Amino acid sequence: MRSTQIRKTFTDFFTSRGHQQVPSSPLIPDGPTLLLANAGMNQFKPYFLGETTPPFPRATSIQKYARTSDIDNVGRTDRHATFFEMMGNFSFGDYFKEDAIAFAWELLTQGYGLEKDKL
């Protein structure tokens, strides 16, 4: 499966279950607390902190982010990189762990067709 199909399957799955698809925020966040986006939930931080009411109860996104925890190793090996995309589904008080686990299981086994006995 190509990366474009992995992304499409992910976003189609969650939007079909009531999640608002939200575009990636910039790699350089608007705010004083981060130099670079380092997690998929950064753009939703005001919702989780209760500073702003979210305009939707569920969201899904594919966020660009930079990993910096091992930035000194970039270029020394093939496995160290800094730029990634993080696919995420988020609930702002609409559902919790039990439903998130059920969504993940359904996505993996039905959306991506992974064998249940190998998970």
PDB file of N, CA and C in Angstrom:
ATOM      1  N   MET A   1       0.852  -1.175   0.000  1.00  0.00           N
ATOM      2  CA  MET A   1       0.000   0.000   0.000  1.00  0.00           C
ATOM      3  C   MET A   1       0.896   1.236   0.000  1.00  0.00           C
ATOM      4  N   ARG A   2       0.607   2.167  -0.860  1.00  0.00           N
ATOM      5  CA  ARG A   2       1.389   3.401  -0.956  1.00  0.00           C
ATOM      6  C   ARG A   2       0.958   4.395   0.128  1.00  0.00           C
ATOM      7  N   SER A   3       1.844   5.321   0.434  1.00  0.00           N
ATOM      8  CA  SER A   3       1.557   6.284   1.505  1.00  0.00           C
ATOM      9  C   SER A   3       0.308   7.117   1.207  1.00  0.00           C
ATOM     10  N   THR A   4       0.050   7.442  -0.046  1.00  0.00           N
ATOM     11  CA  THR A   4      -1.156   8.211  -0.373  1.00  0.00           C
ATOM     12  C   THR A   4      -2.414   7.415  -0.029  1.00  0.00           C
ATOM     13  N   GLN A   5      -2.390   6.100  -0.244  1.00  0.00           N
ATOM     14  CA  GLN A   5      -3.548   5.267   0.083  1.00  0.00           C
ATOM     15  C   GLN A   5      -3.682   5.092   1.599  1.00  0.00           C
ATOM     16  N   ILE A   6      -2.561   5.012   2.298  1.00  0.00           N
ATOM     17  CA  ILE A   6      -2.613   4.926   3.765  1.00  0.00           C
ATOM     18  C   ILE A   6      -3.271   6.175   4.328  1.00  0.00           C
ATOM     19  N   ARG A   7      -2.876   7.350   3.849  1.00  0.00           N
ATOM     20  CA  ARG A   7      -3.469   8.611   4.309  1.00  0.00           C
ATOM     21  C   ARG A   7      -4.967   8.674   3.979  1.00  0.00           C
ATOM     22  N   LYS A   8      -5.321   8.328   2.738  1.00  0.00           N
ATOM     23  CA  LYS A   8      -6.720   8.398   2.305  1.00  0.00           C
ATOM     24  C   LYS A   8      -7.595   7.447   3.118  1.00  0.00           C
ATOM     25  N   THR A   9      -7.122   6.227   3.330  1.00  0.00           N
ATOM     26  CA  THR A   9      -7.877   5.258   4.129  1.00  0.00           C
ATOM     27  C   THR A   9      -8.106   5.801   5.531  1.00  0.00           C
ATOM     28  N   PHE A  10      -7.075   6.381   6.113  1.00  0.00           N
ATOM     29  CA  PHE A  10      -7.168   6.927   7.467  1.00  0.00           C
ATOM     30  C   PHE A  10      -8.195   8.053   7.538  1.00  0.00           C
ATOM     31  N   THR A  11      -8.048   9.052   6.678  1.00  0.00           N
ATOM     32  CA  THR A  11      -8.965  10.200   6.746  1.00  0.00           C
ATOM     33  C   THR A  11     -10.384   9.810   6.347  1.00  0.00           C
ATOM     34  N   ASP A  12     -10.542   8.948   5.352  1.00  0.00           N
ATOM     35  CA  ASP A  12     -11.892   8.490   4.976  1.00  0.00           C
ATOM     36  C   ASP A  12     -12.560   7.750   6.130  1.00  0.00           C
ATOM     37  N   PHE A  13     -11.791   6.909   6.821  1.00  0.00           N
ATOM     38  CA  PHE A  13     -12.324   6.147   7.949  1.00  0.00           C
ATOM     39  C   PHE A  13     -12.867   7.088   9.020  1.00  0.00           C
ATOM     40  N   PHE A  14     -12.059   8.043   9.433  1.00  0.00           N
ATOM     41  CA  PHE A  14     -12.486   8.900  10.539  1.00  0.00           C
ATOM     42  C   PHE A  14     -13.532   9.940  10.124  1.00  0.00           C
ATOM     43  N   THR A  15     -13.464  10.461   8.925  1.00  0.00           N
ATOM     44  CA  THR A  15     -14.511  11.407   8.511  1.00  0.00           C
ATOM     45  C   THR A  15     -15.852  10.682   8.380  1.00  0.00           C
ATOM     46  N   SER A  16     -15.843   9.414   7.996  1.00  0.00           N
ATOM     47  CA  SER A  16     -17.098   8.662   7.902  1.00  0.00           C
ATOM     48  C   SER A  16     -17.682   8.367   9.282  1.00  0.00           C
ATOM     49  N   ARG A  17     -16.913   8.584  10.323  1.00  0.00           N
ATOM     50  CA  ARG A  17     -17.371   8.378  11.693  1.00  0.00           C
ATOM     51  C   ARG A  17     -17.493   9.700  12.447  1.00  0.00           C
ATOM     52  N   GLY A  18     -17.744  10.768  11.704  1.00  0.00           N
ATOM     53  CA  GLY A  18     -18.089  12.042  12.313  1.00  0.00           C
ATOM     54  C   GLY A  18     -16.942  12.958  12.696  1.00  0.00           C
ATOM     55  N   HIS A  19     -15.730  12.650  12.271  1.00  0.00           N
ATOM     56  CA  HIS A  19     -14.587  13.506  12.569  1.00  0.00           C
ATOM     57  C   HIS A  19     -14.449  14.581  11.483  1.00  0.00           C
ATOM     58  N   GLN A  20     -14.196  15.792  11.913  1.00  0.00           N
ATOM     59  CA  GLN A  20     -13.941  16.888  10.986  1.00  0.00           C
ATOM     60  C   GLN A  20     -12.501  16.789  10.508  1.00  0.00           C
ATOM     61  N   GLN A  21     -12.291  16.725   9.204  1.00  0.00           N
ATOM     62  CA  GLN A  21     -10.925  16.701   8.692  1.00  0.00           C
ATOM     63  C   GLN A  21     -10.345  18.105   8.777  1.00  0.00           C
ATOM     64  N   VAL A  22      -9.204  18.216   9.435  1.00  0.00           N
ATOM     65  CA  VAL A  22      -8.554  19.501   9.662  1.00  0.00           C
ATOM     66  C   VAL A  22      -7.186  19.460   8.972  1.00  0.00           C
ATOM     67  N   PRO A  23      -6.850  20.494   8.199  1.00  0.00           N
ATOM     68  CA  PRO A  23      -5.538  20.483   7.547  1.00  0.00           C
ATOM     69  C   PRO A  23      -4.402  20.610   8.559  1.00  0.00           C
ATOM     70  N   SER A  24      -3.239  20.196   8.143  1.00  0.00           N
ATOM     71  CA  SER A  24      -2.053  20.323   8.979  1.00  0.00           C
ATOM     72  C   SER A  24      -1.816  21.792   9.308  1.00  0.00           C
ATOM     73  N   SER A  25      -1.441  22.043  10.547  1.00  0.00           N
ATOM     74  CA  SER A  25      -1.019  23.406  10.888  1.00  0.00           C
ATOM     75  C   SER A  25       0.413  23.575  10.392  1.00  0.00           C
ATOM     76  N   PRO A  26       0.923  24.800  10.363  1.00  0.00           N
ATOM     77  CA  PRO A  26       2.289  25.010   9.884  1.00  0.00           C
ATOM     78  C   PRO A  26       3.326  24.269  10.737  1.00  0.00           C
ATOM     79  N   LEU A  27       4.431  23.947  10.128  1.00  0.00           N
ATOM     80  CA  LEU A  27       5.519  23.292  10.842  1.00  0.00           C
ATOM     81  C   LEU A  27       6.086  24.220  11.922  1.00  0.00           C
ATOM     82  N   ILE A  28       6.032  25.515  11.667  1.00  0.00           N
ATOM     83  CA  ILE A  28       6.434  26.505  12.677  1.00  0.00           C
ATOM     84  C   ILE A  28       5.150  27.062  13.295  1.00  0.00           C
ATOM     85  N   PRO A  29       4.850  26.659  14.527  1.00  0.00           N
ATOM     86  CA  PRO A  29       3.580  27.028  15.161  1.00  0.00           C
ATOM     87  C   PRO A  29       3.469  28.524  15.459  1.00  0.00           C
ATOM     88  N   ASP A  30       2.233  28.974  15.556  1.00  0.00           N
ATOM     89  CA  ASP A  30       1.946  30.344  15.944  1.00  0.00           C
ATOM     90  C   ASP A  30       1.775  30.365  17.463  1.00  0.00           C
ATOM     91  N   GLY A  31       2.784  30.752  18.146  1.00  0.00           N
ATOM     92  CA  GLY A  31       2.714  30.783  19.606  1.00  0.00           C
ATOM     93  C   GLY A  31       4.096  30.695  20.221  1.00  0.00           C
ATOM     94  N   PRO A  32       4.204  31.099  21.474  1.00  0.00           N
ATOM     95  CA  PRO A  32       5.519  31.195  22.118  1.00  0.00           C
ATOM     96  C   PRO A  32       6.026  29.900  22.755  1.00  0.00           C
ATOM     97  N   THR A  33       5.218  28.838  22.790  1.00  0.00           N
ATOM     98  CA  THR A  33       5.621  27.656  23.556  1.00  0.00           C
ATOM     99  C   THR A  33       6.394  26.621  22.765  1.00  0.00           C
ATOM    100  N   LEU A  34       6.370  26.694  21.425  1.00  0.00           N
ATOM    101  CA  LEU A  34       7.070  25.707  20.604  1.00  0.00           C
ATOM    102  C   LEU A  34       7.850  26.372  19.484  1.00  0.00           C
ATOM    103  N   LEU A  35       9.023  25.856  19.217  1.00  0.00           N
ATOM    104  CA  LEU A  35       9.813  26.324  18.091  1.00  0.00           C
ATOM    105  C   LEU A  35       9.351  25.649  16.798  1.00  0.00           C
ATOM    106  N   LEU A  36       9.072  24.334  16.893  1.00  0.00           N
ATOM    107  CA  LEU A  36       8.590  23.539  15.759  1.00  0.00           C
ATOM    108  C   LEU A  36       7.444  22.657  16.227  1.00  0.00           C
ATOM    109  N   ALA A  37       6.527  22.327  15.318  1.00  0.00           N
ATOM    110  CA  ALA A  37       5.468  21.378  15.651  1.00  0.00           C
ATOM    111  C   ALA A  37       6.120  20.030  15.925  1.00  0.00           C
ATOM    112  N   ASN A  38       5.844  19.458  17.095  1.00  0.00           N
ATOM    113  CA  ASN A  38       6.465  18.198  17.471  1.00  0.00           C
ATOM    114  C   ASN A  38       5.451  17.112  17.806  1.00  0.00           C
ATOM    115  N   ALA A  39       4.173  17.392  17.540  1.00  0.00           N
ATOM    116  CA  ALA A  39       3.123  16.412  17.802  1.00  0.00           C
ATOM    117  C   ALA A  39       1.893  16.768  16.976  1.00  0.00           C
ATOM    118  N   GLY A  40       1.085  15.766  16.731  1.00  0.00           N
ATOM    119  CA  GLY A  40      -0.117  15.970  15.940  1.00  0.00           C
ATOM    120  C   GLY A  40      -1.186  16.789  16.642  1.00  0.00           C
ATOM    121  N   MET A  41      -1.122  16.832  17.955  1.00  0.00           N
ATOM    122  CA  MET A  41      -2.162  17.536  18.701  1.00  0.00           C
ATOM    123  C   MET A  41      -1.859  18.999  18.983  1.00  0.00           C
ATOM    124  N   ASN A  42      -0.707  19.489  18.552  1.00  0.00           N
ATOM    125  CA  ASN A  42      -0.332  20.872  18.869  1.00  0.00           C
ATOM    126  C   ASN A  42      -1.388  21.886  18.463  1.00  0.00           C
ATOM    127  N   GLN A  43      -1.968  21.727  17.284  1.00  0.00           N
ATOM    128  CA  GLN A  43      -2.949  22.709  16.827  1.00  0.00           C
ATOM    129  C   GLN A  43      -4.238  22.675  17.655  1.00  0.00           C
ATOM    130  N   PHE A  44      -4.442  21.598  18.408  1.00  0.00           N
ATOM    131  CA  PHE A  44      -5.649  21.466  19.225  1.00  0.00           C
ATOM    132  C   PHE A  44      -5.404  21.817  20.690  1.00  0.00           C
ATOM    133  N   LYS A  45      -4.213  22.268  20.996  1.00  0.00           N
ATOM    134  CA  LYS A  45      -3.836  22.588  22.370  1.00  0.00           C
ATOM    135  C   LYS A  45      -4.826  23.540  23.067  1.00  0.00           C
ATOM    136  N   PRO A  46      -5.288  24.620  22.413  1.00  0.00           N
ATOM    137  CA  PRO A  46      -6.246  25.506  23.094  1.00  0.00           C
ATOM    138  C   PRO A  46      -7.547  24.797  23.484  1.00  0.00           C
ATOM    139  N   TYR A  47      -7.964  23.782  22.727  1.00  0.00           N
ATOM    140  CA  TYR A  47      -9.182  23.034  23.048  1.00  0.00           C
ATOM    141  C   TYR A  47      -8.950  22.158  24.278  1.00  0.00           C
ATOM    142  N   PHE A  48      -7.807  21.453  24.294  1.00  0.00           N
ATOM    143  CA  PHE A  48      -7.513  20.569  25.417  1.00  0.00           C
ATOM    144  C   PHE A  48      -7.266  21.337  26.708  1.00  0.00           C
ATOM    145  N   LEU A  49      -6.742  22.553  26.603  1.00  0.00           N
ATOM    146  CA  LEU A  49      -6.504  23.374  27.791  1.00  0.00           C
ATOM    147  C   LEU A  49      -7.747  24.139  28.236  1.00  0.00           C
ATOM    148  N   GLY A  50      -8.822  24.068  27.453  1.00  0.00           N
ATOM    149  CA  GLY A  50     -10.054  24.770  27.800  1.00  0.00           C
ATOM    150  C   GLY A  50     -10.011  26.258  27.516  1.00  0.00           C
ATOM    151  N   GLU A  51      -9.038  26.705  26.730  1.00  0.00           N
ATOM    152  CA  GLU A  51      -8.927  28.130  26.405  1.00  0.00           C
ATOM    153  C   GLU A  51      -9.928  28.552  25.335  1.00  0.00           C
ATOM    154  N   THR A  52     -10.318  27.610  24.485  1.00  0.00           N
ATOM    155  CA  THR A  52     -11.245  27.854  23.383  1.00  0.00           C
ATOM    156  C   THR A  52     -12.177  26.661  23.253  1.00  0.00           C
ATOM    157  N   THR A  53     -13.399  26.921  22.880  1.00  0.00           N
ATOM    158  CA  THR A  53     -14.333  25.831  22.635  1.00  0.00           C
ATOM    159  C   THR A  53     -14.142  25.334  21.206  1.00  0.00           C
ATOM    160  N   PRO A  54     -13.939  24.026  21.041  1.00  0.00           N
ATOM    161  CA  PRO A  54     -13.743  23.513  19.684  1.00  0.00           C
ATOM    162  C   PRO A  54     -15.015  23.661  18.848  1.00  0.00           C
ATOM    163  N   PRO A  55     -14.871  23.934  17.544  1.00  0.00           N
ATOM    164  CA  PRO A  55     -16.051  24.091  16.694  1.00  0.00           C
ATOM    165  C   PRO A  55     -16.667  22.758  16.261  1.00  0.00           C
ATOM    166  N   PHE A  56     -16.069  21.647  16.686  1.00  0.00           N
ATOM    167  CA  PHE A  56     -16.564  20.314  16.344  1.00  0.00           C
ATOM    168  C   PHE A  56     -16.134  19.373  17.470  1.00  0.00           C
ATOM    169  N   PRO A  57     -16.890  18.282  17.706  1.00  0.00           N
ATOM    170  CA  PRO A  57     -16.553  17.387  18.819  1.00  0.00           C
ATOM    171  C   PRO A  57     -15.447  16.386  18.504  1.00  0.00           C
ATOM    172  N   ARG A  58     -15.177  16.158  17.196  1.00  0.00           N
ATOM    173  CA  ARG A  58     -14.172  15.185  16.775  1.00  0.00           C
ATOM    174  C   ARG A  58     -13.373  15.755  15.616  1.00  0.00           C
ATOM    175  N   ALA A  59     -12.102  15.402  15.549  1.00  0.00           N
ATOM    176  CA  ALA A  59     -11.259  15.879  14.448  1.00  0.00           C
ATOM    177  C   ALA A  59     -10.305  14.777  14.009  1.00  0.00           C
ATOM    178  N   THR A  60      -9.876  14.881  12.768  1.00  0.00           N
ATOM    179  CA  THR A  60      -8.807  14.033  12.254  1.00  0.00           C
ATOM    180  C   THR A  60      -7.882  14.903  11.426  1.00  0.00           C
ATOM    181  N   SER A  61      -6.585  14.592  11.486  1.00  0.00           N
ATOM    182  CA  SER A  61      -5.626  15.389  10.739  1.00  0.00           C
ATOM    183  C   SER A  61      -4.397  14.559  10.397  1.00  0.00           C
ATOM    184  N   ILE A  62      -3.653  15.057   9.442  1.00  0.00           N
ATOM    185  CA  ILE A  62      -2.336  14.521   9.127  1.00  0.00           C
ATOM    186  C   ILE A  62      -1.391  15.696   9.286  1.00  0.00           C
ATOM    187  N   GLN A  63      -0.752  15.737  10.449  1.00  0.00           N
ATOM    188  CA  GLN A  63       0.051  16.888  10.863  1.00  0.00           C
ATOM    189  C   GLN A  63       1.516  16.706  10.495  1.00  0.00           C
ATOM    190  N   LYS A  64       2.075  17.711   9.856  1.00  0.00           N
ATOM    191  CA  LYS A  64       3.524  17.739   9.638  1.00  0.00           C
ATOM    192  C   LYS A  64       4.191  18.054  10.973  1.00  0.00           C
ATOM    193  N   TYR A  65       5.285  17.333  11.256  1.00  0.00           N
ATOM    194  CA  TYR A  65       5.989  17.667  12.495  1.00  0.00           C
ATOM    195  C   TYR A  65       7.467  17.322  12.386  1.00  0.00           C
ATOM    196  N   ALA A  66       8.225  17.919  13.267  1.00  0.00           N
ATOM    197  CA  ALA A  66       9.674  17.719  13.308  1.00  0.00           C
ATOM    198  C   ALA A  66      10.051  17.037  14.611  1.00  0.00           C
ATOM    199  N   ARG A  67      10.830  15.975  14.476  1.00  0.00           N
ATOM    200  CA  ARG A  67      11.328  15.278  15.658  1.00  0.00           C
ATOM    201  C   ARG A  67      12.727  15.816  15.941  1.00  0.00           C
ATOM    202  N   THR A  68      12.944  16.238  17.155  1.00  0.00           N
ATOM    203  CA  THR A  68      14.246  16.834  17.487  1.00  0.00           C
ATOM    204  C   THR A  68      14.967  16.110  18.605  1.00  0.00           C
ATOM    205  N   SER A  69      14.353  15.080  19.183  1.00  0.00           N
ATOM    206  CA  SER A  69      14.963  14.417  20.344  1.00  0.00           C
ATOM    207  C   SER A  69      16.317  13.791  20.026  1.00  0.00           C
ATOM    208  N   ASP A  70      16.527  13.385  18.770  1.00  0.00           N
ATOM    209  CA  ASP A  70      17.819  12.796  18.404  1.00  0.00           C
ATOM    210  C   ASP A  70      18.412  13.517  17.189  1.00  0.00           C
ATOM    211  N   ILE A  71      18.218  14.812  17.134  1.00  0.00           N
ATOM    212  CA  ILE A  71      18.629  15.600  15.960  1.00  0.00           C
ATOM    213  C   ILE A  71      20.146  15.519  15.704  1.00  0.00           C
ATOM    214  N   ASP A  72      20.920  15.258  16.753  1.00  0.00           N
ATOM    215  CA  ASP A  72      22.371  15.138  16.574  1.00  0.00           C
ATOM    216  C   ASP A  72      22.763  13.918  15.740  1.00  0.00           C
ATOM    217  N   ASN A  73      21.849  12.947  15.620  1.00  0.00           N
ATOM    218  CA  ASN A  73      22.144  11.727  14.858  1.00  0.00           C
ATOM    219  C   ASN A  73      21.683  11.796  13.400  1.00  0.00           C
ATOM    220  N   VAL A  74      20.986  12.851  13.023  1.00  0.00           N
ATOM    221  CA  VAL A  74      20.508  12.981  11.647  1.00  0.00           C
ATOM    222  C   VAL A  74      21.698  13.029  10.707  1.00  0.00           C
ATOM    223  N   GLY A  75      21.637  12.222   9.657  1.00  0.00           N
ATOM    224  CA  GLY A  75      22.714  12.165   8.681  1.00  0.00           C
ATOM    225  C   GLY A  75      23.793  11.146   8.999  1.00  0.00           C
ATOM    226  N   ARG A  76      23.812  10.659  10.219  1.00  0.00           N
ATOM    227  CA  ARG A  76      24.809   9.654  10.599  1.00  0.00           C
ATOM    228  C   ARG A  76      24.350   8.236  10.251  1.00  0.00           C
ATOM    229  N   THR A  77      23.024   8.026  10.267  1.00  0.00           N
ATOM    230  CA  THR A  77      22.471   6.726   9.906  1.00  0.00           C
ATOM    231  C   THR A  77      21.276   6.953   8.985  1.00  0.00           C
ATOM    232  N   ASP A  78      20.862   5.889   8.292  1.00  0.00           N
ATOM    233  CA  ASP A  78      19.694   5.983   7.406  1.00  0.00           C
ATOM    234  C   ASP A  78      18.381   6.054   8.177  1.00  0.00           C
ATOM    235  N   ARG A  79      18.384   5.666   9.420  1.00  0.00           N
ATOM    236  CA  ARG A  79      17.119   5.607  10.151  1.00  0.00           C
ATOM    237  C   ARG A  79      16.788   6.872  10.938  1.00  0.00           C
ATOM    238  N   HIS A  80      17.666   7.818  10.963  1.00  0.00           N
ATOM    239  CA  HIS A  80      17.391   9.060  11.686  1.00  0.00           C
ATOM    240  C   HIS A  80      16.942  10.139  10.707  1.00  0.00           C
ATOM    241  N   ALA A  81      15.772  10.644  10.958  1.00  0.00           N
ATOM    242  CA  ALA A  81      15.212  11.721  10.152  1.00  0.00           C
ATOM    243  C   ALA A  81      14.507  12.691  11.097  1.00  0.00           C
ATOM    244  N   THR A  82      14.127  13.839  10.578  1.00  0.00           N
ATOM    245  CA  THR A  82      13.488  14.818  11.447  1.00  0.00           C
ATOM    246  C   THR A  82      12.086  15.200  11.007  1.00  0.00           C
ATOM    247  N   PHE A  83      11.736  15.012   9.739  1.00  0.00           N
ATOM    248  CA  PHE A  83      10.426  15.434   9.256  1.00  0.00           C
ATOM    249  C   PHE A  83       9.514  14.224   9.079  1.00  0.00           C
ATOM    250  N   PHE A  84       8.321  14.305   9.655  1.00  0.00           N
ATOM    251  CA  PHE A  84       7.351  13.223   9.592  1.00  0.00           C
ATOM    252  C   PHE A  84       5.953  13.806   9.424  1.00  0.00           C
ATOM    253  N   GLU A  85       5.009  12.931   9.196  1.00  0.00           N
ATOM    254  CA  GLU A  85       3.590  13.277   9.246  1.00  0.00           C
ATOM    255  C   GLU A  85       2.947  12.352  10.261  1.00  0.00           C
ATOM    256  N   MET A  86       2.149  12.933  11.129  1.00  0.00           N
ATOM    257  CA  MET A  86       1.481  12.157  12.159  1.00  0.00           C
ATOM    258  C   MET A  86      -0.022  12.164  11.872  1.00  0.00           C
ATOM    259  N   MET A  87      -0.578  10.973  11.675  1.00  0.00           N
ATOM    260  CA  MET A  87      -2.016  10.857  11.458  1.00  0.00           C
ATOM    261  C   MET A  87      -2.673  10.736  12.827  1.00  0.00           C
ATOM    262  N   GLY A  88      -3.720  11.513  13.051  1.00  0.00           N
ATOM    263  CA  GLY A  88      -4.353  11.480  14.358  1.00  0.00           C
ATOM    264  C   GLY A  88      -5.852  11.630  14.300  1.00  0.00           C
ATOM    265  N   ASN A  89      -6.499  11.037  15.285  1.00  0.00           N
ATOM    266  CA  ASN A  89      -7.925  11.258  15.506  1.00  0.00           C
ATOM    267  C   ASN A  89      -8.077  11.792  16.925  1.00  0.00           C
ATOM    268  N   PHE A  90      -8.937  12.766  17.068  1.00  0.00           N
ATOM    269  CA  PHE A  90      -9.051  13.489  18.338  1.00  0.00           C
ATOM    270  C   PHE A  90     -10.515  13.635  18.736  1.00  0.00           C
ATOM    271  N   SER A  91     -10.753  13.515  20.032  1.00  0.00           N
ATOM    272  CA  SER A  91     -12.072  13.744  20.597  1.00  0.00           C
ATOM    273  C   SER A  91     -11.944  14.845  21.637  1.00  0.00           C
ATOM    274  N   PHE A  92     -12.849  15.788  21.569  1.00  0.00           N
ATOM    275  CA  PHE A  92     -12.851  16.885  22.542  1.00  0.00           C
ATOM    276  C   PHE A  92     -13.998  16.661  23.524  1.00  0.00           C
ATOM    277  N   GLY A  93     -13.888  15.544  24.267  1.00  0.00           N
ATOM    278  CA  GLY A  93     -14.897  15.176  25.251  1.00  0.00           C
ATOM    279  C   GLY A  93     -16.041  14.356  24.675  1.00  0.00           C
ATOM    280  N   ASP A  94     -15.953  13.968  23.408  1.00  0.00           N
ATOM    281  CA  ASP A  94     -17.038  13.229  22.750  1.00  0.00           C
ATOM    282  C   ASP A  94     -16.931  11.724  22.974  1.00  0.00           C
ATOM    283  N   TYR A  95     -15.738  11.174  22.981  1.00  0.00           N
ATOM    284  CA  TYR A  95     -15.523   9.768  23.284  1.00  0.00           C
ATOM    285  C   TYR A  95     -14.184   9.611  23.990  1.00  0.00           C
ATOM    286  N   PHE A  96     -14.003   8.418  24.542  1.00  0.00           N
ATOM    287  CA  PHE A  96     -12.811   8.205  25.353  1.00  0.00           C
ATOM    288  C   PHE A  96     -12.108   6.913  24.935  1.00  0.00           C
ATOM    289  N   LYS A  97     -11.247   6.369  25.776  1.00  0.00           N
ATOM    290  CA  LYS A  97     -10.369   5.255  25.417  1.00  0.00           C
ATOM    291  C   LYS A  97     -11.100   4.062  24.793  1.00  0.00           C
ATOM    292  N   GLU A  98     -12.204   3.654  25.370  1.00  0.00           N
ATOM    293  CA  GLU A  98     -12.907   2.465  24.867  1.00  0.00           C
ATOM    294  C   GLU A  98     -13.280   2.631  23.396  1.00  0.00           C
ATOM    295  N   ASP A  99     -13.844   3.774  23.045  1.00  0.00           N
ATOM    296  CA  ASP A  99     -14.220   4.021  21.648  1.00  0.00           C
ATOM    297  C   ASP A  99     -12.986   4.229  20.769  1.00  0.00           C
ATOM    298  N   ALA A 100     -11.946   4.883  21.293  1.00  0.00           N
ATOM    299  CA  ALA A 100     -10.723   5.083  20.515  1.00  0.00           C
ATOM    300  C   ALA A 100     -10.083   3.744  20.171  1.00  0.00           C
ATOM    301  N   ILE A 101     -10.100   2.806  21.110  1.00  0.00           N
ATOM    302  CA  ILE A 101      -9.549   1.474  20.859  1.00  0.00           C
ATOM    303  C   ILE A 101     -10.384   0.745  19.816  1.00  0.00           C
ATOM    304  N   ALA A 102     -11.706   0.851  19.909  1.00  0.00           N
ATOM    305  CA  ALA A 102     -12.588   0.206  18.923  1.00  0.00           C
ATOM    306  C   ALA A 102     -12.361   0.791  17.530  1.00  0.00           C
ATOM    307  N   PHE A 103     -12.208   2.114  17.435  1.00  0.00           N
ATOM    308  CA  PHE A 103     -11.904   2.742  16.143  1.00  0.00           C
ATOM    309  C   PHE A 103     -10.584   2.208  15.575  1.00  0.00           C
ATOM    310  N   ALA A 104      -9.561   2.154  16.417  1.00  0.00           N
ATOM    311  CA  ALA A 104      -8.250   1.695  15.960  1.00  0.00           C
ATOM    312  C   ALA A 104      -8.312   0.251  15.465  1.00  0.00           C
ATOM    313  N   TRP A 105      -9.005  -0.602  16.197  1.00  0.00           N
ATOM    314  CA  TRP A 105      -9.129  -2.007  15.804  1.00  0.00           C
ATOM    315  C   TRP A 105      -9.846  -2.118  14.455  1.00  0.00           C
ATOM    316  N   GLU A 106     -10.928  -1.402  14.303  1.00  0.00           N
ATOM    317  CA  GLU A 106     -11.680  -1.444  13.048  1.00  0.00           C
ATOM    318  C   GLU A 106     -10.851  -0.906  11.883  1.00  0.00           C
ATOM    319  N   LEU A 107     -10.143   0.183  12.099  1.00  0.00           N
ATOM    320  CA  LEU A 107      -9.300   0.746  11.044  1.00  0.00           C
ATOM    321  C   LEU A 107      -8.221  -0.255  10.627  1.00  0.00           C
ATOM    322  N   LEU A 108      -7.546  -0.851  11.600  1.00  0.00           N
ATOM    323  CA  LEU A 108      -6.466  -1.784  11.288  1.00  0.00           C
ATOM    324  C   LEU A 108      -6.958  -3.053  10.603  1.00  0.00           C
ATOM    325  N   THR A 109      -8.056  -3.621  11.105  1.00  0.00           N
ATOM    326  CA  THR A 109      -8.515  -4.908  10.576  1.00  0.00           C
ATOM    327  C   THR A 109      -9.398  -4.784   9.341  1.00  0.00           C
ATOM    328  N   GLN A 110     -10.226  -3.751   9.289  1.00  0.00           N
ATOM    329  CA  GLN A 110     -11.116  -3.594   8.137  1.00  0.00           C
ATOM    330  C   GLN A 110     -10.587  -2.569   7.139  1.00  0.00           C
ATOM    331  N   GLY A 111     -10.126  -1.436   7.634  1.00  0.00           N
ATOM    332  CA  GLY A 111      -9.620  -0.389   6.746  1.00  0.00           C
ATOM    333  C   GLY A 111      -8.340  -0.789   6.036  1.00  0.00           C
ATOM    334  N   TYR A 112      -7.392  -1.336   6.805  1.00  0.00           N
ATOM    335  CA  TYR A 112      -6.099  -1.730   6.234  1.00  0.00           C
ATOM    336  C   TYR A 112      -5.999  -3.232   5.969  1.00  0.00           C
ATOM    337  N   GLY A 113      -6.978  -3.985   6.444  1.00  0.00           N
ATOM    338  CA  GLY A 113      -7.003  -5.425   6.159  1.00  0.00           C
ATOM    339  C   GLY A 113      -5.952  -6.244   6.871  1.00  0.00           C
ATOM    340  N   LEU A 114      -5.457  -5.775   8.011  1.00  0.00           N
ATOM    341  CA  LEU A 114      -4.472  -6.564   8.766  1.00  0.00           C
ATOM    342  C   LEU A 114      -5.157  -7.758   9.425  1.00  0.00           C
ATOM    343  N   GLU A 115      -4.441  -8.844   9.515  1.00  0.00           N
ATOM    344  CA  GLU A 115      -4.991 -10.060  10.099  1.00  0.00           C
ATOM    345  C   GLU A 115      -5.090  -9.929  11.615  1.00  0.00           C
ATOM    346  N   LYS A 116      -6.283 -10.206  12.149  1.00  0.00           N
ATOM    347  CA  LYS A 116      -6.531 -10.048  13.583  1.00  0.00           C
ATOM    348  C   LYS A 116      -5.578 -10.882  14.428  1.00  0.00           C
ATOM    349  N   ASP A 117      -5.299 -12.096  14.014  1.00  0.00           N
ATOM    350  CA  ASP A 117      -4.464 -12.967  14.821  1.00  0.00           C
ATOM    351  C   ASP A 117      -2.983 -12.585  14.796  1.00  0.00           C
ATOM    352  N   LYS A 118      -2.621 -11.627  13.963  1.00  0.00           N
ATOM    353  CA  LYS A 118      -1.236 -11.162  13.925  1.00  0.00           C
ATOM    354  C   LYS A 118      -1.055  -9.842  14.680  1.00  0.00           C
ATOM    355  N   LEU A 119      -2.135  -9.314  15.219  1.00  0.00           N
ATOM    356  CA  LEU A 119      -2.051  -8.066  15.992  1.00  0.00           C
ATOM    357  C   LEU A 119      -1.954  -8.363  17.479  1.00  0.00           C
TER     358      LEU A 119
END
